[in-house]
Amino acid sequence: MPRQLFIAYINTPEGAELAGPVTVEKDEYLFVNKNTADDIYFNLKKSANGWHFSGGPSVKIPQEFIDSVGAQIDEFKKSGV
């Protein structure tokens, strides 16, 4: 069963702020935007090469979004919460 970790924030190049919960199940994370009307959600995983897209909608998710959420996951894990 997925477990919510925290709320992630992504600043887009257009100046919007996406925000929403990050959940985890096993080693896969899910971000779902709840802050704007934009239907943006994606799964991500970490490998030896960093964070990467691992599933979601057929639209292209910018790598910057994945990197942003991945960095927030790394910080969350470092905090030991």
PDB file of N, CA and C in Angstrom:
ATOM      1  N   MET A   1       0.843  -1.181   0.000  1.00  0.00           N
ATOM      2  CA  MET A   1       0.000   0.000   0.000  1.00  0.00           C
ATOM      3  C   MET A   1       0.891   1.248   0.000  1.00  0.00           C
ATOM      4  N   PRO A   2       0.619   2.211  -0.887  1.00  0.00           N
ATOM      5  CA  PRO A   2       1.440   3.432  -0.938  1.00  0.00           C
ATOM      6  C   PRO A   2       1.367   4.220   0.360  1.00  0.00           C
ATOM      7  N   ARG A   3       2.473   4.884   0.683  1.00  0.00           N
ATOM      8  CA  ARG A   3       2.562   5.697   1.896  1.00  0.00           C
ATOM      9  C   ARG A   3       2.959   7.110   1.495  1.00  0.00           C
ATOM     10  N   GLN A   4       2.189   8.102   1.959  1.00  0.00           N
ATOM     11  CA  GLN A   4       2.517   9.492   1.651  1.00  0.00           C
ATOM     12  C   GLN A   4       3.705   9.940   2.486  1.00  0.00           C
ATOM     13  N   LEU A   5       4.677  10.584   1.821  1.00  0.00           N
ATOM     14  CA  LEU A   5       5.877  11.055   2.498  1.00  0.00           C
ATOM     15  C   LEU A   5       5.812  12.540   2.831  1.00  0.00           C
ATOM     16  N   PHE A   6       5.513  13.375   1.842  1.00  0.00           N
ATOM     17  CA  PHE A   6       5.525  14.833   2.015  1.00  0.00           C
ATOM     18  C   PHE A   6       4.869  15.476   0.797  1.00  0.00           C
ATOM     19  N   ILE A   7       4.763  16.791   0.814  1.00  0.00           N
ATOM     20  CA  ILE A   7       4.273  17.567  -0.324  1.00  0.00           C
ATOM     21  C   ILE A   7       5.485  18.140  -1.054  1.00  0.00           C
ATOM     22  N   ALA A   8       5.585  17.860  -2.351  1.00  0.00           N
ATOM     23  CA  ALA A   8       6.684  18.374  -3.172  1.00  0.00           C
ATOM     24  C   ALA A   8       6.216  19.609  -3.933  1.00  0.00           C
ATOM     25  N   TYR A   9       7.167  20.483  -4.252  1.00  0.00           N
ATOM     26  CA  TYR A   9       6.898  21.713  -4.992  1.00  0.00           C
ATOM     27  C   TYR A   9       7.812  21.775  -6.203  1.00  0.00           C
ATOM     28  N   ILE A  10       7.237  22.147  -7.352  1.00  0.00           N
ATOM     29  CA  ILE A  10       7.997  22.298  -8.592  1.00  0.00           C
ATOM     30  C   ILE A  10       7.661  23.663  -9.176  1.00  0.00           C
ATOM     31  N   ASN A  11       8.673  24.477  -9.425  1.00  0.00           N
ATOM     32  CA  ASN A  11       8.477  25.755 -10.111  1.00  0.00           C
ATOM     33  C   ASN A  11       8.699  25.523 -11.601  1.00  0.00           C
ATOM     34  N   THR A  12       7.677  25.834 -12.417  1.00  0.00           N
ATOM     35  CA  THR A  12       7.779  25.622 -13.853  1.00  0.00           C
ATOM     36  C   THR A  12       8.434  26.821 -14.530  1.00  0.00           C
ATOM     37  N   PRO A  13       8.977  26.637 -15.730  1.00  0.00           N
ATOM     38  CA  PRO A  13       9.560  27.751 -16.472  1.00  0.00           C
ATOM     39  C   PRO A  13       8.546  28.864 -16.763  1.00  0.00           C
ATOM     40  N   GLU A  14       7.258  28.526 -16.797  1.00  0.00           N
ATOM     41  CA  GLU A  14       6.207  29.509 -17.052  1.00  0.00           C
ATOM     42  C   GLU A  14       5.846  30.316 -15.813  1.00  0.00           C
ATOM     43  N   GLY A  15       6.417  29.966 -14.664  1.00  0.00           N
ATOM     44  CA  GLY A  15       6.165  30.696 -13.432  1.00  0.00           C
ATOM     45  C   GLY A  15       5.101  30.100 -12.535  1.00  0.00           C
ATOM     46  N   ALA A  16       4.524  28.962 -12.926  1.00  0.00           N
ATOM     47  CA  ALA A  16       3.519  28.306 -12.083  1.00  0.00           C
ATOM     48  C   ALA A  16       4.223  27.457 -11.024  1.00  0.00           C
ATOM     49  N   GLU A  17       3.528  27.212  -9.934  1.00  0.00           N
ATOM     50  CA  GLU A  17       4.057  26.312  -8.906  1.00  0.00           C
ATOM     51  C   GLU A  17       3.170  25.084  -8.836  1.00  0.00           C
ATOM     52  N   LEU A  18       3.741  23.946  -9.197  1.00  0.00           N
ATOM     53  CA  LEU A  18       3.054  22.674  -9.041  1.00  0.00           C
ATOM     54  C   LEU A  18       3.346  22.174  -7.645  1.00  0.00           C
ATOM     55  N   ALA A  19       2.383  21.544  -7.029  1.00  0.00           N
ATOM     56  CA  ALA A  19       2.575  21.009  -5.684  1.00  0.00           C
ATOM     57  C   ALA A  19       1.642  19.835  -5.483  1.00  0.00           C
ATOM     58  N   GLY A  20       2.115  18.869  -4.736  1.00  0.00           N
ATOM     59  CA  GLY A  20       1.266  17.735  -4.442  1.00  0.00           C
ATOM     60  C   GLY A  20       2.013  16.676  -3.667  1.00  0.00           C
ATOM     61  N   PRO A  21       1.284  15.649  -3.270  1.00  0.00           N
ATOM     62  CA  PRO A  21       1.874  14.606  -2.440  1.00  0.00           C
ATOM     63  C   PRO A  21       2.857  13.734  -3.217  1.00  0.00           C
ATOM     64  N   VAL A  22       3.858  13.271  -2.495  1.00  0.00           N
ATOM     65  CA  VAL A  22       4.767  12.244  -2.998  1.00  0.00           C
ATOM     66  C   VAL A  22       4.485  11.007  -2.158  1.00  0.00           C
ATOM     67  N   THR A  23       4.149   9.924  -2.843  1.00  0.00           N
ATOM     68  CA  THR A  23       3.915   8.656  -2.162  1.00  0.00           C
ATOM     69  C   THR A  23       4.964   7.656  -2.624  1.00  0.00           C
ATOM     70  N   VAL A  24       5.150   6.616  -1.831  1.00  0.00           N
ATOM     71  CA  VAL A  24       6.124   5.581  -2.166  1.00  0.00           C
ATOM     72  C   VAL A  24       5.495   4.215  -1.968  1.00  0.00           C
ATOM     73  N   GLU A  25       5.837   3.314  -2.878  1.00  0.00           N
ATOM     74  CA  GLU A  25       5.487   1.903  -2.735  1.00  0.00           C
ATOM     75  C   GLU A  25       6.685   1.119  -3.242  1.00  0.00           C
ATOM     76  N   LYS A  26       7.301   0.371  -2.350  1.00  0.00           N
ATOM     77  CA  LYS A  26       8.566  -0.330  -2.607  1.00  0.00           C
ATOM     78  C   LYS A  26       9.624   0.704  -2.963  1.00  0.00           C
ATOM     79  N   ASP A  27      10.167   0.683  -4.179  1.00  0.00           N
ATOM     80  CA  ASP A  27      11.213   1.634  -4.560  1.00  0.00           C
ATOM     81  C   ASP A  27      10.741   2.617  -5.629  1.00  0.00           C
ATOM     82  N   GLU A  28       9.420   2.730  -5.809  1.00  0.00           N
ATOM     83  CA  GLU A  28       8.866   3.635  -6.826  1.00  0.00           C
ATOM     84  C   GLU A  28       8.065   4.741  -6.144  1.00  0.00           C
ATOM     85  N   TYR A  29       8.297   5.967  -6.591  1.00  0.00           N
ATOM     86  CA  TYR A  29       7.664   7.149  -6.024  1.00  0.00           C
ATOM     87  C   TYR A  29       6.670   7.714  -7.025  1.00  0.00           C
ATOM     88  N   LEU A  30       5.621   8.353  -6.511  1.00  0.00           N
ATOM     89  CA  LEU A  30       4.594   8.970  -7.350  1.00  0.00           C
ATOM     90  C   LEU A  30       4.379  10.401  -6.891  1.00  0.00           C
ATOM     91  N   PHE A  31       4.446  11.337  -7.846  1.00  0.00           N
ATOM     92  CA  PHE A  31       4.106  12.739  -7.589  1.00  0.00           C
ATOM     93  C   PHE A  31       2.814  13.031  -8.328  1.00  0.00           C
ATOM     94  N   VAL A  32       1.859  13.698  -7.647  1.00  0.00           N
ATOM     95  CA  VAL A  32       0.594  14.097  -8.254  1.00  0.00           C
ATOM     96  C   VAL A  32       0.371  15.573  -7.945  1.00  0.00           C
ATOM     97  N   ASN A  33       0.300  16.406  -8.986  1.00  0.00           N
ATOM     98  CA  ASN A  33       0.054  17.835  -8.808  1.00  0.00           C
ATOM     99  C   ASN A  33      -1.388  18.058  -8.355  1.00  0.00           C
ATOM    100  N   LYS A  34      -1.570  18.804  -7.286  1.00  0.00           N
ATOM    101  CA  LYS A  34      -2.899  19.153  -6.774  1.00  0.00           C
ATOM    102  C   LYS A  34      -3.069  20.669  -6.670  1.00  0.00           C
ATOM    103  N   ASN A  35      -2.025  21.439  -7.017  1.00  0.00           N
ATOM    104  CA  ASN A  35      -2.015  22.883  -6.789  1.00  0.00           C
ATOM    105  C   ASN A  35      -2.610  23.686  -7.941  1.00  0.00           C
ATOM    106  N   THR A  36      -2.515  23.164  -9.154  1.00  0.00           N
ATOM    107  CA  THR A  36      -3.055  23.867 -10.328  1.00  0.00           C
ATOM    108  C   THR A  36      -3.977  22.924 -11.086  1.00  0.00           C
ATOM    109  N   ALA A  37      -4.611  23.450 -12.123  1.00  0.00           N
ATOM    110  CA  ALA A  37      -5.510  22.630 -12.938  1.00  0.00           C
ATOM    111  C   ALA A  37      -4.736  21.702 -13.873  1.00  0.00           C
ATOM    112  N   ASP A  38      -3.417  21.865 -13.944  1.00  0.00           N
ATOM    113  CA  ASP A  38      -2.602  21.009 -14.805  1.00  0.00           C
ATOM    114  C   ASP A  38      -2.628  19.572 -14.299  1.00  0.00           C
ATOM    115  N   ASP A  39      -2.986  18.659 -15.190  1.00  0.00           N
ATOM    116  CA  ASP A  39      -3.065  17.240 -14.848  1.00  0.00           C
ATOM    117  C   ASP A  39      -1.678  16.623 -15.009  1.00  0.00           C
ATOM    118  N   ILE A  40      -0.816  16.858 -14.022  1.00  0.00           N
ATOM    119  CA  ILE A  40       0.566  16.375 -14.088  1.00  0.00           C
ATOM    120  C   ILE A  40       0.801  15.407 -12.942  1.00  0.00           C
ATOM    121  N   TYR A  41       1.202  14.220 -13.312  1.00  0.00           N
ATOM    122  CA  TYR A  41       1.577  13.200 -12.334  1.00  0.00           C
ATOM    123  C   TYR A  41       2.589  12.288 -13.002  1.00  0.00           C
ATOM    124  N   PHE A  42       3.456  11.694 -12.210  1.00  0.00           N
ATOM    125  CA  PHE A  42       4.434  10.771 -12.776  1.00  0.00           C
ATOM    126  C   PHE A  42       5.061   9.925 -11.679  1.00  0.00           C
ATOM    127  N   ASN A  43       5.492   8.739 -12.099  1.00  0.00           N
ATOM    128  CA  ASN A  43       6.260   7.851 -11.240  1.00  0.00           C
ATOM    129  C   ASN A  43       7.735   8.084 -11.523  1.00  0.00           C
ATOM    130  N   LEU A  44       8.551   7.946 -10.478  1.00  0.00           N
ATOM    131  CA  LEU A  44       9.984   8.071 -10.660  1.00  0.00           C
ATOM    132  C   LEU A  44      10.716   7.091  -9.761  1.00  0.00           C
ATOM    133  N   LYS A  45      11.907   6.703 -10.211  1.00  0.00           N
ATOM    134  CA  LYS A  45      12.780   5.789  -9.476  1.00  0.00           C
ATOM    135  C   LYS A  45      14.196   6.334  -9.531  1.00  0.00           C
ATOM    136  N   LYS A  46      14.999   5.903  -8.579  1.00  0.00           N
ATOM    137  CA  LYS A  46      16.399   6.293  -8.571  1.00  0.00           C
ATOM    138  C   LYS A  46      17.256   5.095  -8.960  1.00  0.00           C
ATOM    139  N   SER A  47      18.209   5.354  -9.851  1.00  0.00           N
ATOM    140  CA  SER A  47      19.172   4.329 -10.238  1.00  0.00           C
ATOM    141  C   SER A  47      20.567   4.885 -10.000  1.00  0.00           C
ATOM    142  N   ALA A  48      21.568   4.153 -10.403  1.00  0.00           N
ATOM    143  CA  ALA A  48      22.947   4.616 -10.260  1.00  0.00           C
ATOM    144  C   ALA A  48      23.187   5.898 -11.056  1.00  0.00           C
ATOM    145  N   ASN A  49      22.365   6.136 -12.071  1.00  0.00           N
ATOM    146  CA  ASN A  49      22.500   7.329 -12.918  1.00  0.00           C
ATOM    147  C   ASN A  49      21.618   8.478 -12.473  1.00  0.00           C
ATOM    148  N   GLY A  50      20.964   8.366 -11.322  1.00  0.00           N
ATOM    149  CA  GLY A  50      20.101   9.433 -10.823  1.00  0.00           C
ATOM    150  C   GLY A  50      18.630   9.092 -10.981  1.00  0.00           C
ATOM    151  N   TRP A  51      17.806  10.124 -10.854  1.00  0.00           N
ATOM    152  CA  TRP A  51      16.354   9.949 -10.908  1.00  0.00           C
ATOM    153  C   TRP A  51      15.885   9.873 -12.356  1.00  0.00           C
ATOM    154  N   HIS A  52      14.892   8.994 -12.596  1.00  0.00           N
ATOM    155  CA  HIS A  52      14.354   8.856 -13.950  1.00  0.00           C
ATOM    156  C   HIS A  52      12.858   8.565 -13.912  1.00  0.00           C
ATOM    157  N   PHE A  53      12.187   8.909 -14.987  1.00  0.00           N
ATOM    158  CA  PHE A  53      10.763   8.652 -15.189  1.00  0.00           C
ATOM    159  C   PHE A  53      10.548   7.150 -15.227  1.00  0.00           C
ATOM    160  N   SER A  54       9.536   6.666 -14.511  1.00  0.00           N
ATOM    161  CA  SER A  54       9.276   5.227 -14.518  1.00  0.00           C
ATOM    162  C   SER A  54       7.815   4.891 -14.789  1.00  0.00           C
ATOM    163  N   GLY A  55       7.044   5.865 -15.256  1.00  0.00           N
ATOM    164  CA  GLY A  55       5.655   5.598 -15.613  1.00  0.00           C
ATOM    165  C   GLY A  55       4.777   6.802 -15.378  1.00  0.00           C
ATOM    166  N   GLY A  56       3.638   6.785 -16.025  1.00  0.00           N
ATOM    167  CA  GLY A  56       2.699   7.888 -15.886  1.00  0.00           C
ATOM    168  C   GLY A  56       1.993   8.150 -17.200  1.00  0.00           C
ATOM    169  N   PRO A  57       1.594   9.387 -17.410  1.00  0.00           N
ATOM    170  CA  PRO A  57       0.835   9.718 -18.617  1.00  0.00           C
ATOM    171  C   PRO A  57       1.711   9.621 -19.862  1.00  0.00           C
ATOM    172  N   SER A  58       1.049   9.647 -21.017  1.00  0.00           N
ATOM    173  CA  SER A  58       1.786   9.557 -22.276  1.00  0.00           C
ATOM    174  C   SER A  58       2.440  10.884 -22.652  1.00  0.00           C
ATOM    175  N   VAL A  59       2.097  11.975 -21.958  1.00  0.00           N
ATOM    176  CA  VAL A  59       2.736  13.254 -22.254  1.00  0.00           C
ATOM    177  C   VAL A  59       4.167  13.248 -21.711  1.00  0.00           C
ATOM    178  N   LYS A  60       5.043  13.995 -22.340  1.00  0.00           N
ATOM    179  CA  LYS A  60       6.449  14.065 -21.938  1.00  0.00           C
ATOM    180  C   LYS A  60       6.580  14.896 -20.668  1.00  0.00           C
ATOM    181  N   ILE A  61       7.143  14.315 -19.640  1.00  0.00           N
ATOM    182  CA  ILE A  61       7.410  15.015 -18.382  1.00  0.00           C
ATOM    183  C   ILE A  61       8.844  15.539 -18.457  1.00  0.00           C
ATOM    184  N   PRO A  62       9.032  16.848 -18.283  1.00  0.00           N
ATOM    185  CA  PRO A  62      10.402  17.386 -18.342  1.00  0.00           C
ATOM    186  C   PRO A  62      11.311  16.758 -17.282  1.00  0.00           C
ATOM    187  N   GLN A  63      12.545  16.473 -17.664  1.00  0.00           N
ATOM    188  CA  GLN A  63      13.512  15.898 -16.733  1.00  0.00           C
ATOM    189  C   GLN A  63      13.714  16.816 -15.532  1.00  0.00           C
ATOM    190  N   GLU A  64      13.564  18.129 -15.733  1.00  0.00           N
ATOM    191  CA  GLU A  64      13.721  19.074 -14.624  1.00  0.00           C
ATOM    192  C   GLU A  64      12.701  18.807 -13.521  1.00  0.00           C
ATOM    193  N   PHE A  65      11.471  18.409 -13.891  1.00  0.00           N
ATOM    194  CA  PHE A  65      10.441  18.086 -12.894  1.00  0.00           C
ATOM    195  C   PHE A  65      10.868  16.849 -12.105  1.00  0.00           C
ATOM    196  N   ILE A  66      11.354  15.847 -12.821  1.00  0.00           N
ATOM    197  CA  ILE A  66      11.785  14.603 -12.180  1.00  0.00           C
ATOM    198  C   ILE A  66      12.963  14.876 -11.247  1.00  0.00           C
ATOM    199  N   ASP A  67      13.933  15.669 -11.727  1.00  0.00           N
ATOM    200  CA  ASP A  67      15.093  16.008 -10.897  1.00  0.00           C
ATOM    201  C   ASP A  67      14.683  16.781  -9.648  1.00  0.00           C
ATOM    202  N   SER A  68      13.723  17.699  -9.801  1.00  0.00           N
ATOM    203  CA  SER A  68      13.272  18.508  -8.671  1.00  0.00           C
ATOM    204  C   SER A  68      12.630  17.635  -7.590  1.00  0.00           C
ATOM    205  N   VAL A  69      11.705  16.778  -7.997  1.00  0.00           N
ATOM    206  CA  VAL A  69      11.048  15.900  -7.023  1.00  0.00           C
ATOM    207  C   VAL A  69      12.060  14.909  -6.449  1.00  0.00           C
ATOM    208  N   GLY A  70      12.945  14.387  -7.285  1.00  0.00           N
ATOM    209  CA  GLY A  70      13.976  13.464  -6.808  1.00  0.00           C
ATOM    210  C   GLY A  70      14.866  14.094  -5.747  1.00  0.00           C
ATOM    211  N   ALA A  71      15.269  15.346  -5.968  1.00  0.00           N
ATOM    212  CA  ALA A  71      16.103  16.047  -4.980  1.00  0.00           C
ATOM    213  C   ALA A  71      15.347  16.230  -3.669  1.00  0.00           C
ATOM    214  N   GLN A  72      14.041  16.497  -3.746  1.00  0.00           N
ATOM    215  CA  GLN A  72      13.242  16.649  -2.528  1.00  0.00           C
ATOM    216  C   GLN A  72      13.098  15.312  -1.803  1.00  0.00           C
ATOM    217  N   ILE A  73      13.004  14.217  -2.543  1.00  0.00           N
ATOM    218  CA  ILE A  73      12.956  12.890  -1.930  1.00  0.00           C
ATOM    219  C   ILE A  73      14.282  12.616  -1.219  1.00  0.00           C
ATOM    220  N   ASP A  74      15.392  12.931  -1.885  1.00  0.00           N
ATOM    221  CA  ASP A  74      16.707  12.732  -1.258  1.00  0.00           C
ATOM    222  C   ASP A  74      16.822  13.517   0.048  1.00  0.00           C
ATOM    223  N   GLU A  75      16.373  14.771   0.044  1.00  0.00           N
ATOM    224  CA  GLU A  75      16.425  15.600   1.258  1.00  0.00           C
ATOM    225  C   GLU A  75      15.533  15.017   2.349  1.00  0.00           C
ATOM    226  N   PHE A  76      14.354  14.560   1.956  1.00  0.00           N
ATOM    227  CA  PHE A  76      13.436  13.946   2.925  1.00  0.00           C
ATOM    228  C   PHE A  76      14.076  12.717   3.568  1.00  0.00           C
ATOM    229  N   LYS A  77      14.703  11.889   2.760  1.00  0.00           N
ATOM    230  CA  LYS A  77      15.337  10.678   3.284  1.00  0.00           C
ATOM    231  C   LYS A  77      16.518  11.004   4.201  1.00  0.00           C
ATOM    232  N   LYS A  78      17.256  12.076   3.883  1.00  0.00           N
ATOM    233  CA  LYS A  78      18.382  12.497   4.727  1.00  0.00           C
ATOM    234  C   LYS A  78      17.895  12.972   6.089  1.00  0.00           C
ATOM    235  N   SER A  79      16.702  13.592   6.116  1.00  0.00           N
ATOM    236  CA  SER A  79      16.180  14.139   7.366  1.00  0.00           C
ATOM    237  C   SER A  79      15.780  13.048   8.361  1.00  0.00           C
ATOM    238  N   GLY A  80      15.579  11.839   7.851  1.00  0.00           N
ATOM    239  CA  GLY A  80      15.252  10.722   8.731  1.00  0.00           C
ATOM    240  C   GLY A  80      13.852  10.750   9.289  1.00  0.00           C
ATOM    241  N   VAL A  81      12.972  11.531   8.677  1.00  0.00           N
ATOM    242  CA  VAL A  81      11.586  11.633   9.168  1.00  0.00           C
ATOM    243  C   VAL A  81      10.832  10.371   8.852  1.00  0.00           C
TER     244      VAL A  81
END
